[in-house]
Amino acid sequence: MAEQKSGAQISTRAFLQAVAIIFLLMMVSGILTLVIPAGQYDRIKVDGREVIDPASFQYVAKPDFPIWRWFTSPFEVLATPDGLTKVVPIIVFILLVGTAFGIMDRSGILQAVIARIVKTFGGRKYTLLLVVTFVFMALGSFFWIFEEVIPLVPLILGLAYYLGWDSLTGLGMSILATNVGFSTAVFNPFTIGIAQQLSGLPLYSGAGPRVILFVVVYGILAVFISRYARKVEKKPETSLVFEEDKAEKIKFGSYNVDDTMSTNPKMKNAAIFLGVFFALILVVLIAIPFVEILRDIALPLTGLLFVIGGIGAGLISGAGKSAWKAAWDGFVGIVPAVPLLMMAASVKHIISSGGILDTVLHWANNGLQGTSPFTAALMIYGLTLVLELFITSGSAKAFLLIPIIMPLADLVGVNRQIAVSAYTFGDGFSNMVYPTNAALLITLSLTVIPFPKWLRWVLNLWVWVILATVAFLGIAVLTHYGPF
C-alpha cells in the first residue's frame, strides 16, 4: 500500500473540473470581446485616486486582441500591474501555506492543538462551532479581513473532522464565515470606506443598520452550519463530500480527546511555538486597519509567519527528516492551484484587453435610468454581482462603478448610502461562489472538496442571504437610509 502523502493534495478530478469551468469562462469572455463594441471612459484624478468621468463615454475602435491571445492570457496577466501586485503574491502565499501544512500534517501538531481546544470547551462542540463562526465573521466585518485568514483554515478543517463533521463544515466555520462578515461589513475600508469616500458620504456613516444586518446574517449562517453539522454527525453518509473526506478523516480519528500535549513534552513545546506564530498572525490581522503598510503586505506576511510556525513546530515535535519529505509533499500537492489562479486572473485581462469593460458599464448606466428607487438598488446589486465574476477586487470595482452609478442614483431617488450598501453586497457574497476568486481557489485547494459540490452546498446559504439583503435594501428605501 502506497504511503499517504502529507498536506493538501488536489485530486486529478477536482483539478480537471476547475480547469474546465474556468476555461469556459475564459472562452465566454473572449467571445464577448468579439460581439460587444469597444468603448472607453476618461479617467480623472480625484484626491489622488483614478476614477471614471461618467459623462465621457465614447465608442472606440476595437483593440488588436487576436483570438490566440485568449489562450496565452494566463501567462500575460503575470506581467500586468494586477499580476505583479496581486496574482504573483497570492501564488507565493499558497505555496508557503501548502508547504507548512504538509509538515504540520505529518508531525501531528494540528491534531494535538485541536485536542486541547476540544478539551478546553469540555465537549460543548456546538457552542465551539458558534463561537468559532462568530469570531471569523467578526474578523471580516470589523477588522476588514478575508484572504488573510486562509492560514488558519487547516486548523479549523482538522477541528471539524475531529468533532465528527466534514470539510464543508470546516470551511463554513472559517473562510465562509469570514466572507459573510466581509460582505455585511460594519466597517471595511476596501468596500464601504472607498465607496463612501467616492460617494461623498461621511466615512463609515450608517453603521447602525449594518450592525443589525450583521446580527441577522450571523443567525442565518449559524443555523445553516449547525443544522448541516448535526445532520452529518448523525448520519455521516449524508455529507456531500463523504467519499472525498474518508482519507482525510483517518488523520484525525474519531471524536475523542487524546491530549498528547499532556504526555509528550516535545508536542507541548511545538504547540507553544505554533501558538506564538498563530498569535502573531492574529496581531497582523487586527493591526491592518491601523498600520497602513500592512495592507499591502498582509497576505505574504501571514503566509511567511504560517510557514515559519508550521515548519518550526514540526521540527520541534520530533518529525525529524520526515518533515522535509512532508514539506515537499505539501508543496507538490498545492502546485496545481497555481495554473488555476493564473487562468482565473486572465478572465479580467481578456475583457480589459478586448476593450469591452467600459461598454458594459455604459450599458448598465443607461439601464438604470427611469427605474424606481428599489429597482435601481437591486440593479446596482445585480450589476456588481455580474462584474464580480470578472473583477474580484472590491476596491477596483468601487473605482469603476461608484463614479458612474452615484449620479444616476441621485436622479432616480436612491440615497447614496443605499447604493453603497447594494454595491457592497454584490461585491462580497459572491466571493465564495465564483471560481474566478483567488480565495475560493486557494481554500478548495487545501481540501478535498470539488468546486461543483462546494457550489451546491453554499448556494443553499446564498439564497437566504440574498433574501435578507434584498429585504434590507427594501427597508432602506422605505426609511430613506442615509444620511443622503
Protein backbone atom coordinates (compact mmCIF):
# COMPACT_ATOMS: atom_id res chain seq x y z
CA MET A 1 0.00 0.00 0.00
CA ALA A 2 1.41 3.38 -1.04
CA GLU A 3 2.29 5.82 1.72
CA GLN A 4 -0.29 8.55 2.13
CA LYS A 5 1.12 11.93 1.20
CA SER A 6 1.09 14.77 3.70
CA GLY A 7 -0.68 18.08 3.33
CA ALA A 8 -3.35 19.20 0.90
CA GLN A 9 -3.46 17.04 -2.23
CA ILE A 10 -5.59 18.31 -5.12
CA SER A 11 -7.21 15.34 -6.81
CA THR A 12 -6.99 14.98 -10.57
CA ARG A 13 -10.77 15.01 -10.87
CA ALA A 14 -11.18 18.20 -8.83
CA PHE A 15 -8.38 19.87 -10.79
CA LEU A 16 -9.87 18.97 -14.18
CA GLN A 17 -13.33 20.14 -13.10
CA ALA A 18 -11.94 23.51 -12.03
CA VAL A 19 -9.90 23.84 -15.22
CA ALA A 20 -12.97 23.12 -17.36
CA ILE A 21 -15.12 25.69 -15.54
CA ILE A 22 -12.53 28.48 -15.62
CA PHE A 23 -11.56 27.70 -19.23
CA LEU A 24 -15.23 28.06 -20.20
CA LEU A 25 -15.32 31.49 -18.53
CA MET A 26 -12.18 32.48 -20.43
CA MET A 27 -13.77 31.49 -23.74
CA VAL A 28 -17.03 33.29 -22.91
CA SER A 29 -15.04 36.41 -22.05
CA GLY A 30 -13.15 36.14 -25.33
CA ILE A 31 -16.37 35.72 -27.34
CA LEU A 32 -17.82 38.80 -25.63
CA THR A 33 -14.86 40.84 -26.86
CA LEU A 34 -15.88 39.88 -30.42
CA VAL A 35 -19.60 40.70 -30.15
CA ILE A 36 -19.62 43.73 -27.80
CA PRO A 37 -18.33 47.02 -29.27
CA ALA A 38 -15.31 48.56 -27.60
CA GLY A 39 -15.84 51.69 -25.55
CA GLN A 40 -13.95 53.94 -23.23
CA TYR A 41 -14.48 56.34 -20.34
CA ASP A 42 -11.94 59.01 -19.50
CA ARG A 43 -10.14 58.54 -16.20
CA ILE A 44 -9.61 61.54 -13.96
CA LYS A 45 -7.79 62.10 -10.69
CA VAL A 46 -9.89 62.80 -7.59
CA ASP A 47 -7.98 63.24 -4.33
CA GLY A 48 -5.06 61.40 -5.87
CA ARG A 49 -7.19 58.43 -6.98
CA GLU A 50 -8.07 57.49 -10.54
CA VAL A 51 -11.83 57.36 -11.17
CA ILE A 52 -14.14 57.33 -14.20
CA ASP A 53 -15.68 60.51 -15.59
CA PRO A 54 -19.31 59.31 -16.07
CA ALA A 55 -20.05 61.85 -18.83
CA SER A 56 -17.08 60.92 -21.01
CA PHE A 57 -18.08 57.58 -22.58
CA GLN A 58 -17.42 57.08 -26.29
CA TYR A 59 -17.22 54.09 -28.58
CA VAL A 60 -13.72 53.42 -29.93
CA ALA A 61 -12.05 51.15 -32.45
CA LYS A 62 -11.57 47.58 -31.28
CA PRO A 63 -8.08 47.00 -29.87
CA ASP A 64 -5.80 44.48 -31.51
CA PHE A 65 -6.52 41.44 -29.35
CA PRO A 66 -6.46 38.28 -31.53
CA ILE A 67 -8.13 35.04 -30.52
CA TRP A 68 -4.85 33.23 -29.89
CA ARG A 69 -4.17 35.63 -27.01
CA TRP A 70 -7.18 34.24 -25.13
CA PHE A 71 -5.04 31.14 -24.60
CA THR A 72 -1.86 33.00 -23.63
CA SER A 73 -3.64 35.40 -21.28
CA PRO A 74 -2.93 33.28 -18.12
CA PHE A 75 0.76 33.96 -18.73
CA GLU A 76 0.34 37.54 -19.96
CA VAL A 77 -1.54 38.53 -16.83
CA LEU A 78 1.53 37.84 -14.68
CA ALA A 79 3.32 40.78 -16.33
CA THR A 80 0.46 43.25 -15.78
CA PRO A 81 0.23 45.57 -12.74
CA ASP A 82 -2.53 43.34 -11.32
CA GLY A 83 -0.38 40.28 -11.91
CA LEU A 84 2.71 41.71 -10.25
CA THR A 85 0.88 43.16 -7.23
CA LYS A 86 -1.86 40.55 -6.68
CA VAL A 87 -1.51 37.29 -8.62
CA VAL A 88 2.19 36.64 -8.01
CA PRO A 89 1.99 37.38 -4.23
CA ILE A 90 -1.04 35.06 -3.97
CA ILE A 91 0.86 32.28 -5.76
CA VAL A 92 3.79 32.65 -3.36
CA PHE A 93 1.34 32.69 -0.46
CA ILE A 94 -0.38 29.41 -1.36
CA LEU A 95 2.93 27.64 -1.95
CA LEU A 96 4.10 28.72 1.50
CA VAL A 97 0.85 27.61 3.12
CA GLY A 98 0.87 24.27 1.28
CA THR A 99 4.45 23.55 2.34
CA ALA A 100 3.81 24.36 6.00
CA PHE A 101 0.56 22.41 6.04
CA GLY A 102 2.40 19.31 4.81
CA ILE A 103 4.77 19.40 7.79
CA MET A 104 2.02 20.16 10.30
CA ASP A 105 0.00 17.27 8.91
CA ARG A 106 2.89 14.78 9.17
CA SER A 107 4.01 15.83 12.67
CA GLY A 108 0.55 15.55 14.27
CA ILE A 109 0.81 19.04 15.73
CA LEU A 110 -2.60 20.07 14.35
CA GLN A 111 -4.27 17.10 15.99
CA ALA A 112 -2.63 17.95 19.30
CA VAL A 113 -3.77 21.58 19.17
CA ILE A 114 -7.29 20.54 18.22
CA ALA A 115 -7.46 18.07 21.10
CA ARG A 116 -6.51 20.84 23.53
CA ILE A 117 -9.18 23.18 22.09
CA VAL A 118 -11.84 20.48 22.44
CA LYS A 119 -10.75 19.70 25.99
CA THR A 120 -10.92 23.41 26.88
CA PHE A 121 -14.57 23.55 25.78
CA GLY A 122 -15.35 20.38 27.72
CA GLY A 123 -17.06 18.66 24.82
CA ARG A 124 -19.52 21.51 24.14
CA LYS A 125 -18.78 21.26 20.47
CA TYR A 126 -21.80 23.14 19.12
CA THR A 127 -21.00 26.04 21.42
CA LEU A 128 -17.49 25.87 19.99
CA LEU A 129 -18.91 25.87 16.44
CA LEU A 130 -20.94 29.02 17.14
CA VAL A 131 -18.02 30.80 18.82
CA VAL A 132 -15.56 29.98 16.04
CA THR A 133 -18.07 31.03 13.38
CA PHE A 134 -18.72 34.34 15.14
CA VAL A 135 -15.01 35.09 15.57
CA PHE A 136 -14.25 34.52 11.89
CA MET A 137 -17.31 36.52 10.79
CA ALA A 138 -16.27 39.38 13.09
CA LEU A 139 -12.78 39.35 11.58
CA GLY A 140 -14.33 40.01 8.19
CA SER A 141 -16.86 42.58 9.35
CA PHE A 142 -14.99 44.63 11.93
CA PHE A 143 -11.33 44.05 11.09
CA TRP A 144 -11.68 44.02 7.27
CA ILE A 145 -10.04 40.63 6.84
CA PHE A 146 -10.70 37.99 4.19
CA GLU A 147 -7.90 36.17 2.35
CA GLU A 148 -5.53 36.70 5.27
CA VAL A 149 -7.34 34.09 7.42
CA ILE A 150 -6.51 31.29 4.97
CA PRO A 151 -3.50 30.09 7.04
CA LEU A 152 -5.95 29.35 9.87
CA VAL A 153 -8.23 27.23 7.66
CA PRO A 154 -6.29 23.93 8.07
CA LEU A 155 -6.71 24.15 11.84
CA ILE A 156 -10.49 24.59 11.55
CA LEU A 157 -10.71 21.82 8.96
CA GLY A 158 -8.98 19.49 11.38
CA LEU A 159 -11.28 20.64 14.16
CA ALA A 160 -14.34 19.82 12.06
CA TYR A 161 -13.02 16.34 11.27
CA TYR A 162 -12.08 15.74 14.89
CA LEU A 163 -15.57 16.63 16.07
CA GLY A 164 -17.27 14.25 13.66
CA TRP A 165 -18.25 16.72 10.93
CA ASP A 166 -16.87 17.20 7.40
CA SER A 167 -14.70 19.57 5.39
CA LEU A 168 -17.69 21.65 4.28
CA THR A 169 -18.47 22.38 7.93
CA GLY A 170 -14.83 23.35 8.49
CA LEU A 171 -14.83 25.83 5.62
CA GLY A 172 -18.22 27.12 6.72
CA MET A 173 -16.89 27.93 10.19
CA SER A 174 -13.80 29.66 8.83
CA ILE A 175 -13.39 31.19 5.38
CA LEU A 176 -17.12 31.24 4.55
CA ALA A 177 -17.88 32.94 7.88
CA THR A 178 -15.14 35.48 7.18
CA ASN A 179 -16.55 36.14 3.72
CA VAL A 180 -20.08 36.61 5.10
CA GLY A 181 -18.70 39.07 7.66
CA PHE A 182 -16.74 40.87 4.96
CA SER A 183 -19.93 41.16 2.90
CA THR A 184 -22.03 42.55 5.77
CA ALA A 185 -19.18 44.82 6.78
CA VAL A 186 -19.88 47.33 9.51
CA PHE A 187 -16.51 48.94 8.82
CA ASN A 188 -14.49 47.98 5.76
CA PRO A 189 -12.02 50.39 4.13
CA PHE A 190 -11.78 48.29 0.96
CA THR A 191 -15.52 48.34 0.18
CA ILE A 192 -17.59 50.55 2.49
CA GLY A 193 -14.75 53.02 3.11
CA ILE A 194 -13.70 53.56 -0.52
CA ALA A 195 -17.30 53.55 -1.82
CA GLN A 196 -18.41 56.10 0.78
CA GLN A 197 -15.39 58.27 0.11
CA LEU A 198 -16.04 58.27 -3.65
CA SER A 199 -19.74 58.97 -2.98
CA GLY A 200 -19.06 61.96 -0.75
CA LEU A 201 -20.63 60.25 2.28
CA PRO A 202 -19.23 60.64 5.81
CA LEU A 203 -16.72 57.85 6.33
CA TYR A 204 -18.31 54.76 7.95
CA SER A 205 -21.64 56.54 8.32
CA GLY A 206 -24.84 54.48 8.63
CA ALA A 207 -23.20 51.80 10.77
CA GLY A 208 -26.24 51.15 12.99
CA PRO A 209 -28.42 49.38 10.37
CA ARG A 210 -25.36 47.45 9.17
CA VAL A 211 -24.85 46.10 12.71
CA ILE A 212 -28.45 44.85 12.70
CA LEU A 213 -27.88 43.16 9.32
CA PHE A 214 -24.67 41.60 10.66
CA VAL A 215 -26.62 40.01 13.55
CA VAL A 216 -29.39 38.77 11.24
CA VAL A 217 -26.97 37.23 8.75
CA TYR A 218 -24.91 35.67 11.57
CA GLY A 219 -28.10 33.99 12.74
CA ILE A 220 -28.74 32.65 9.22
CA LEU A 221 -25.17 31.37 8.93
CA ALA A 222 -25.17 29.80 12.42
CA VAL A 223 -28.41 27.93 11.75
CA PHE A 224 -27.19 26.82 8.31
CA ILE A 225 -23.88 25.40 9.56
CA SER A 226 -25.26 23.94 12.80
CA ARG A 227 -28.10 22.10 11.08
CA TYR A 228 -25.75 20.70 8.47
CA ALA A 229 -23.17 19.64 11.09
CA ARG A 230 -25.83 17.85 13.17
CA LYS A 231 -27.07 16.02 10.07
CA VAL A 232 -23.55 14.89 9.16
CA GLU A 233 -22.79 13.83 12.74
CA LYS A 234 -26.00 11.82 12.95
CA LYS A 235 -25.61 10.21 9.54
CA PRO A 236 -22.10 10.77 8.04
CA GLU A 237 -23.02 9.40 4.62
CA THR A 238 -25.36 12.38 4.10
CA SER A 239 -22.28 14.60 3.76
CA LEU A 240 -21.92 15.93 0.22
CA VAL A 241 -18.21 15.09 0.41
CA PHE A 242 -18.49 11.80 2.31
CA GLU A 243 -16.33 9.83 -0.15
CA GLU A 244 -13.78 12.61 -0.62
CA ASP A 245 -13.36 13.08 3.16
CA LYS A 246 -12.73 9.43 4.06
CA ALA A 247 -8.95 9.53 3.77
CA GLU A 248 -8.68 12.93 5.43
CA LYS A 249 -10.78 11.92 8.43
CA ILE A 250 -8.47 8.99 9.16
CA LYS A 251 -5.73 11.50 10.00
CA PHE A 252 -7.80 12.97 12.82
CA GLY A 253 -9.57 9.91 14.13
CA SER A 254 -12.93 9.75 15.84
CA TYR A 255 -14.24 12.21 18.37
CA ASN A 256 -12.04 11.68 21.38
CA VAL A 257 -9.70 13.90 23.35
CA ASP A 258 -6.28 12.35 23.22
CA ASP A 259 -4.40 15.26 24.76
CA THR A 260 -0.88 14.41 23.59
CA MET A 261 0.39 17.76 24.82
CA SER A 262 -0.02 16.49 28.39
CA THR A 263 2.02 13.34 27.77
CA ASN A 264 4.56 14.45 25.16
CA PRO A 265 6.84 17.38 26.17
CA LYS A 266 8.06 17.81 22.58
CA MET A 267 4.49 18.15 21.33
CA LYS A 268 3.72 20.67 24.07
CA ASN A 269 6.73 22.79 23.10
CA ALA A 270 5.80 22.51 19.43
CA ALA A 271 2.25 23.64 20.20
CA ILE A 272 3.54 26.64 22.16
CA PHE A 273 5.84 27.57 19.27
CA LEU A 274 2.98 27.25 16.76
CA GLY A 275 0.65 29.17 19.09
CA VAL A 276 3.10 32.09 19.18
CA PHE A 277 3.02 32.34 15.40
CA PHE A 278 -0.77 31.98 15.24
CA ALA A 279 -0.92 34.84 17.76
CA LEU A 280 1.40 36.91 15.55
CA ILE A 281 -0.89 36.23 12.59
CA LEU A 282 -3.87 37.48 14.60
CA VAL A 283 -1.89 40.56 15.65
CA VAL A 284 -1.18 41.31 12.00
CA LEU A 285 -4.84 40.87 11.09
CA ILE A 286 -6.05 43.15 13.88
CA ALA A 287 -3.34 45.76 13.15
CA ILE A 288 -4.17 46.09 9.44
CA PRO A 289 -6.72 48.91 9.91
CA PHE A 290 -4.26 50.92 11.99
CA VAL A 291 -0.94 50.29 10.22
CA GLU A 292 -1.21 51.33 6.59
CA ILE A 293 1.90 49.50 5.37
CA LEU A 294 0.39 46.17 6.49
CA ARG A 295 -2.47 46.50 3.98
CA ASP A 296 -0.14 45.75 1.08
CA ILE A 297 1.98 43.06 2.73
CA ALA A 298 -0.54 41.31 5.00
CA LEU A 299 -1.09 38.31 2.71
CA PRO A 300 2.58 37.36 2.15
CA LEU A 301 3.41 38.25 5.76
CA THR A 302 0.75 35.94 7.20
CA GLY A 303 1.90 33.24 4.81
CA LEU A 304 5.50 33.67 5.97
CA LEU A 305 4.51 33.55 9.64
CA PHE A 306 2.46 30.43 8.98
CA VAL A 307 5.28 28.62 7.19
CA ILE A 308 7.85 29.51 9.90
CA GLY A 309 5.45 28.46 12.65
CA GLY A 310 4.45 25.25 10.84
CA ILE A 311 7.96 24.12 9.93
CA GLY A 312 9.36 25.07 13.33
CA ALA A 313 6.59 23.27 15.20
CA GLY A 314 7.02 20.19 13.03
CA LEU A 315 10.74 20.01 13.74
CA ILE A 316 10.31 20.67 17.47
CA SER A 317 7.68 17.91 17.72
CA GLY A 318 10.28 15.39 16.56
CA ALA A 319 9.24 14.90 12.95
CA GLY A 320 12.93 14.75 12.01
CA LYS A 321 13.94 14.06 8.41
CA SER A 322 10.38 13.09 7.50
CA ALA A 323 9.46 16.76 7.95
CA TRP A 324 11.30 17.69 4.76
CA LYS A 325 9.59 14.92 2.81
CA ALA A 326 6.27 16.19 4.17
CA ALA A 327 7.18 19.74 3.15
CA TRP A 328 7.85 18.56 -0.40
CA ASP A 329 4.57 16.62 -0.46
CA GLY A 330 2.72 19.72 0.71
CA PHE A 331 4.43 21.90 -1.90
CA VAL A 332 3.74 19.48 -4.77
CA GLY A 333 0.19 18.90 -3.59
CA ILE A 334 -0.70 22.59 -3.75
CA VAL A 335 1.12 23.39 -7.03
CA PRO A 336 -1.90 22.55 -9.26
CA ALA A 337 -3.65 25.56 -7.74
CA VAL A 338 -1.16 27.86 -9.48
CA PRO A 339 -2.41 27.41 -13.06
CA LEU A 340 -5.99 27.69 -11.76
CA LEU A 341 -5.18 31.09 -10.25
CA MET A 342 -3.47 32.24 -13.45
CA MET A 343 -6.47 31.19 -15.53
CA ALA A 344 -8.91 32.89 -13.15
CA ALA A 345 -6.94 36.15 -13.26
CA SER A 346 -6.88 36.02 -17.06
CA VAL A 347 -10.67 36.45 -17.28
CA LYS A 348 -10.43 40.13 -16.33
CA HIS A 349 -7.34 40.52 -18.52
CA ILE A 350 -9.28 39.28 -21.56
CA ILE A 351 -12.25 41.64 -21.20
CA SER A 352 -9.96 44.58 -20.39
CA SER A 353 -7.66 43.87 -23.34
CA GLY A 354 -10.72 43.46 -25.58
CA GLY A 355 -11.91 46.96 -24.64
CA ILE A 356 -15.44 45.97 -23.58
CA LEU A 357 -15.42 46.62 -19.84
CA ASP A 358 -16.36 50.29 -20.13
CA THR A 359 -19.05 49.45 -22.69
CA VAL A 360 -20.72 47.08 -20.24
CA LEU A 361 -20.61 49.79 -17.57
CA HIS A 362 -22.13 52.31 -20.01
CA TRP A 363 -25.00 49.97 -20.91
CA ALA A 364 -25.70 49.33 -17.25
CA ASN A 365 -25.62 53.07 -16.68
CA ASN A 366 -28.33 53.57 -19.31
CA GLY A 367 -30.39 50.67 -17.91
CA LEU A 368 -30.72 52.37 -14.50
CA GLN A 369 -32.43 55.44 -15.95
CA GLY A 370 -36.17 55.74 -15.35
CA THR A 371 -36.44 52.97 -12.74
CA SER A 372 -37.91 53.12 -9.23
CA PRO A 373 -35.52 53.60 -6.28
CA PHE A 374 -35.91 49.99 -5.09
CA THR A 375 -35.50 48.57 -8.62
CA ALA A 376 -32.43 50.75 -9.15
CA ALA A 377 -30.91 49.48 -5.88
CA LEU A 378 -31.49 45.88 -7.00
CA MET A 379 -29.93 46.64 -10.40
CA ILE A 380 -26.83 48.06 -8.70
CA TYR A 381 -26.70 44.87 -6.62
CA GLY A 382 -27.06 42.72 -9.75
CA LEU A 383 -24.54 44.71 -11.79
CA THR A 384 -21.93 44.32 -9.06
CA LEU A 385 -22.64 40.57 -8.92
CA VAL A 386 -22.01 40.30 -12.67
CA LEU A 387 -18.80 42.34 -12.59
CA GLU A 388 -17.55 40.32 -9.61
CA LEU A 389 -17.24 37.35 -11.95
CA PHE A 390 -14.60 39.26 -13.92
CA ILE A 391 -13.16 41.75 -11.40
CA THR A 392 -12.74 40.24 -7.93
CA SER A 393 -11.06 43.23 -6.28
CA GLY A 394 -13.58 45.23 -4.24
CA SER A 395 -11.60 48.46 -4.37
CA ALA A 396 -11.03 48.16 -8.13
CA LYS A 397 -14.78 47.71 -8.73
CA ALA A 398 -15.51 50.69 -6.49
CA PHE A 399 -13.34 52.98 -8.61
CA LEU A 400 -15.05 51.66 -11.74
CA LEU A 401 -18.67 51.65 -10.58
CA ILE A 402 -19.20 54.31 -7.96
CA PRO A 403 -18.45 57.38 -10.15
CA ILE A 404 -20.96 56.06 -12.70
CA ILE A 405 -23.82 54.87 -10.51
CA MET A 406 -23.88 57.69 -7.94
CA PRO A 407 -25.10 60.44 -10.32
CA LEU A 408 -27.78 58.04 -11.58
CA ALA A 409 -28.72 57.09 -8.03
CA ASP A 410 -29.35 60.77 -7.35
CA LEU A 411 -31.55 61.05 -10.46
CA VAL A 412 -33.76 58.05 -9.65
CA GLY A 413 -34.07 58.89 -5.96
CA VAL A 414 -31.80 56.25 -4.43
CA ASN A 415 -29.93 57.51 -1.38
CA ARG A 416 -26.19 57.17 -1.88
CA GLN A 417 -25.93 55.18 1.34
CA ILE A 418 -28.33 52.62 -0.15
CA ALA A 419 -26.34 52.47 -3.39
CA VAL A 420 -23.14 51.85 -1.40
CA SER A 421 -24.83 49.02 0.51
CA ALA A 422 -26.10 47.43 -2.73
CA TYR A 423 -22.59 47.62 -4.18
CA THR A 424 -21.07 46.09 -1.02
CA PHE A 425 -23.49 43.16 -1.03
CA GLY A 426 -22.81 42.41 -4.70
CA ASP A 427 -19.07 42.64 -4.19
CA GLY A 428 -18.91 40.43 -1.12
CA PHE A 429 -21.26 37.45 -1.06
CA SER A 430 -20.19 36.11 -4.45
CA ASN A 431 -16.53 35.81 -3.40
CA MET A 432 -17.04 32.25 -2.16
CA VAL A 433 -19.17 31.22 -5.15
CA TYR A 434 -17.38 32.35 -8.30
CA PRO A 435 -14.47 30.17 -9.50
CA THR A 436 -12.52 33.26 -10.56
CA ASN A 437 -11.99 34.28 -6.92
CA ALA A 438 -8.49 33.53 -5.64
CA ALA A 439 -9.58 32.98 -2.03
CA LEU A 440 -12.05 30.29 -3.09
CA LEU A 441 -9.49 28.54 -5.29
CA ILE A 442 -6.90 28.54 -2.50
CA THR A 443 -9.24 27.23 0.18
CA LEU A 444 -10.64 24.48 -2.03
CA SER A 445 -7.03 23.54 -2.83
CA LEU A 446 -6.46 22.97 0.88
CA THR A 447 -9.34 20.50 0.98
CA VAL A 448 -10.71 17.56 -0.99
CA ILE A 449 -13.87 19.48 -1.97
CA PRO A 450 -14.62 19.65 -5.73
CA PHE A 451 -15.96 23.02 -6.87
CA PRO A 452 -19.37 21.67 -8.07
CA LYS A 453 -20.07 20.16 -4.64
CA TRP A 454 -18.97 23.33 -2.88
CA LEU A 455 -21.27 25.36 -5.13
CA ARG A 456 -24.20 23.02 -4.49
CA TRP A 457 -23.69 23.40 -0.75
CA VAL A 458 -23.07 27.13 -0.48
CA LEU A 459 -25.93 28.12 -2.80
CA ASN A 460 -28.34 26.83 -0.13
CA LEU A 461 -26.98 29.57 2.13
CA TRP A 462 -26.73 32.17 -0.61
CA VAL A 463 -30.47 32.06 -1.28
CA TRP A 464 -31.28 33.09 2.30
CA VAL A 465 -28.54 35.70 2.43
CA ILE A 466 -29.76 37.31 -0.80
CA LEU A 467 -33.31 37.41 0.57
CA ALA A 468 -32.05 39.07 3.76
CA THR A 469 -30.03 41.68 1.87
CA VAL A 470 -32.85 42.40 -0.59
CA ALA A 471 -35.16 42.92 2.39
CA PHE A 472 -32.53 45.24 3.90
CA LEU A 473 -32.47 47.31 0.68
CA GLY A 474 -36.28 47.45 0.62
CA ILE A 475 -36.44 48.69 4.22
CA ALA A 476 -33.59 51.11 3.48
CA VAL A 477 -35.54 52.64 0.60
CA LEU A 478 -38.72 52.94 2.70
CA THR A 479 -36.86 54.57 5.62
CA HIS A 480 -34.57 56.74 3.44
CA TYR A 481 -31.43 55.20 4.92
CA GLY A 482 -28.87 57.96 4.79
CA PRO A 483 -27.58 60.50 5.66
CA PHE A 484 -28.25 61.11 1.96
